[in-house]
Amino acid sequence: MTNEELRCPKCKGEMVQGFVPDNTCGGITVGRWYSGAPKKSFWTNTKQPTTESAPIGAFRCQKCGFLEFYADVKFAGQ
């Protein structure tokens, strides 16, 4: 999946790839998708599930700003 393949479903503008950063412990990583609803944690606000996860890739329309997200291993940091 590349931005050449994706057109905005709202206005048919060009979609460009990006990512949503996860700022944790002084580092920046790619945000991840987990199945199920989030659960509260006293220490970290949200418990990190032990289930499988997938990095999130984000695509933004250059014309209208619409965002579309995909979860796939190909969006992991390179």
C-alpha atoms as a PDB file:
ATOM      1  CA  MET A   1       0.000   0.000   0.000  1.00  0.00           C
ATOM      2  CA  THR A   2       1.541   3.283  -1.096  1.00  0.00           C
ATOM      3  CA  ASN A   3       0.206   6.792  -1.441  1.00  0.00           C
ATOM      4  CA  GLU A   4       0.049   6.255  -5.246  1.00  0.00           C
ATOM      5  CA  GLU A   5      -2.562   3.545  -4.638  1.00  0.00           C
ATOM      6  CA  LEU A   6      -4.695   5.543  -2.213  1.00  0.00           C
ATOM      7  CA  ARG A   7      -7.124   8.297  -3.047  1.00  0.00           C
ATOM      8  CA  CYS A   8      -9.136  10.104  -0.403  1.00  0.00           C
ATOM      9  CA  PRO A   9     -12.595   8.527  -0.008  1.00  0.00           C
ATOM     10  CA  LYS A  10     -14.027  11.989   0.746  1.00  0.00           C
ATOM     11  CA  CYS A  11     -12.613  14.217  -2.018  1.00  0.00           C
ATOM     12  CA  LYS A  12     -10.408  11.912  -4.167  1.00  0.00           C
ATOM     13  CA  GLY A  13      -7.300  13.956  -3.253  1.00  0.00           C
ATOM     14  CA  GLU A  14      -3.810  12.433  -2.954  1.00  0.00           C
ATOM     15  CA  MET A  15      -3.106  10.518   0.280  1.00  0.00           C
ATOM     16  CA  VAL A  16       0.412  10.759   1.755  1.00  0.00           C
ATOM     17  CA  GLN A  17       1.837   8.291   4.275  1.00  0.00           C
ATOM     18  CA  GLY A  18       2.841   9.266   7.799  1.00  0.00           C
ATOM     19  CA  PHE A  19       2.626   7.865  11.331  1.00  0.00           C
ATOM     20  CA  VAL A  20       1.276   8.687  14.779  1.00  0.00           C
ATOM     21  CA  PRO A  21       4.168   8.812  17.268  1.00  0.00           C
ATOM     22  CA  ASP A  22       3.978   7.131  20.654  1.00  0.00           C
ATOM     23  CA  ASN A  23       6.075   9.149  23.124  1.00  0.00           C
ATOM     24  CA  THR A  24       7.009   6.789  25.940  1.00  0.00           C
ATOM     25  CA  CYS A  25       9.927   6.668  28.364  1.00  0.00           C
ATOM     26  CA  GLY A  26      11.724   9.511  26.590  1.00  0.00           C
ATOM     27  CA  GLY A  27      11.653   7.721  23.229  1.00  0.00           C
ATOM     28  CA  ILE A  28       9.449   7.964  20.181  1.00  0.00           C
ATOM     29  CA  THR A  29       8.023   4.815  18.613  1.00  0.00           C
ATOM     30  CA  VAL A  30       5.324   4.064  16.054  1.00  0.00           C
ATOM     31  CA  GLY A  31       1.841   3.808  17.614  1.00  0.00           C
ATOM     32  CA  ARG A  32       0.384   0.304  17.782  1.00  0.00           C
ATOM     33  CA  TRP A  33      -3.075  -1.265  17.478  1.00  0.00           C
ATOM     34  CA  TYR A  34      -4.285  -3.800  20.077  1.00  0.00           C
ATOM     35  CA  SER A  35      -7.508  -5.788  20.024  1.00  0.00           C
ATOM     36  CA  GLY A  36     -10.138  -5.140  22.681  1.00  0.00           C
ATOM     37  CA  ALA A  37     -11.046  -2.123  24.779  1.00  0.00           C
ATOM     38  CA  PRO A  38      -8.357  -0.311  26.803  1.00  0.00           C
ATOM     39  CA  LYS A  39      -8.138  -1.063  30.523  1.00  0.00           C
ATOM     40  CA  LYS A  40      -7.104   1.420  33.207  1.00  0.00           C
ATOM     41  CA  SER A  41      -3.821   1.122  35.089  1.00  0.00           C
ATOM     42  CA  PHE A  42      -2.987   2.954  38.306  1.00  0.00           C
ATOM     43  CA  TRP A  43       0.665   3.472  37.329  1.00  0.00           C
ATOM     44  CA  THR A  44       0.540   4.044  33.567  1.00  0.00           C
ATOM     45  CA  ASN A  45      -3.084   5.182  32.942  1.00  0.00           C
ATOM     46  CA  THR A  46      -3.635   2.354  30.436  1.00  0.00           C
ATOM     47  CA  LYS A  47      -2.528  -1.276  30.685  1.00  0.00           C
ATOM     48  CA  GLN A  48      -0.525  -2.554  27.746  1.00  0.00           C
ATOM     49  CA  PRO A  49      -2.162  -5.776  26.538  1.00  0.00           C
ATOM     50  CA  THR A  50      -0.099  -8.918  26.136  1.00  0.00           C
ATOM     51  CA  THR A  51      -1.995  -9.834  22.958  1.00  0.00           C
ATOM     52  CA  GLU A  52      -0.541  -9.468  19.493  1.00  0.00           C
ATOM     53  CA  SER A  53      -0.312  -5.937  18.186  1.00  0.00           C
ATOM     54  CA  ALA A  54       0.414  -4.213  14.888  1.00  0.00           C
ATOM     55  CA  PRO A  55       2.096  -0.890  14.105  1.00  0.00           C
ATOM     56  CA  ILE A  56      -0.191   1.842  12.799  1.00  0.00           C
ATOM     57  CA  GLY A  57       0.366   3.568   9.471  1.00  0.00           C
ATOM     58  CA  ALA A  58      -1.523   6.795   8.828  1.00  0.00           C
ATOM     59  CA  PHE A  59      -2.435   8.360   5.512  1.00  0.00           C
ATOM     60  CA  ARG A  60      -3.504  12.012   5.213  1.00  0.00           C
ATOM     61  CA  CYS A  61      -5.300  13.655   2.312  1.00  0.00           C
ATOM     62  CA  GLN A  62      -3.308  16.653   1.070  1.00  0.00           C
ATOM     63  CA  LYS A  63      -6.479  18.310  -0.161  1.00  0.00           C
ATOM     64  CA  CYS A  64      -8.974  18.023   2.729  1.00  0.00           C
ATOM     65  CA  GLY A  65      -6.912  16.606   5.633  1.00  0.00           C
ATOM     66  CA  PHE A  66      -8.908  13.377   6.044  1.00  0.00           C
ATOM     67  CA  LEU A  67      -6.946  10.718   7.983  1.00  0.00           C
ATOM     68  CA  GLU A  68      -7.089   6.981   7.340  1.00  0.00           C
ATOM     69  CA  PHE A  69      -5.297   4.433   9.552  1.00  0.00           C
ATOM     70  CA  TYR A  70      -4.081   0.899   8.831  1.00  0.00           C
ATOM     71  CA  ALA A  71      -2.535  -1.633  11.241  1.00  0.00           C
ATOM     72  CA  ASP A  72       0.084  -3.882   9.616  1.00  0.00           C
ATOM     73  CA  VAL A  73       3.626  -5.092  10.336  1.00  0.00           C
ATOM     74  CA  LYS A  74       4.872  -3.242   7.246  1.00  0.00           C
ATOM     75  CA  PHE A  75       4.393   0.053   9.134  1.00  0.00           C
ATOM     76  CA  ALA A  76       7.036  -0.806  11.747  1.00  0.00           C
ATOM     77  CA  GLY A  77      10.061   1.493  11.975  1.00  0.00           C
ATOM     78  CA  GLN A  78      12.619   0.866   9.238  1.00  0.00           C
END
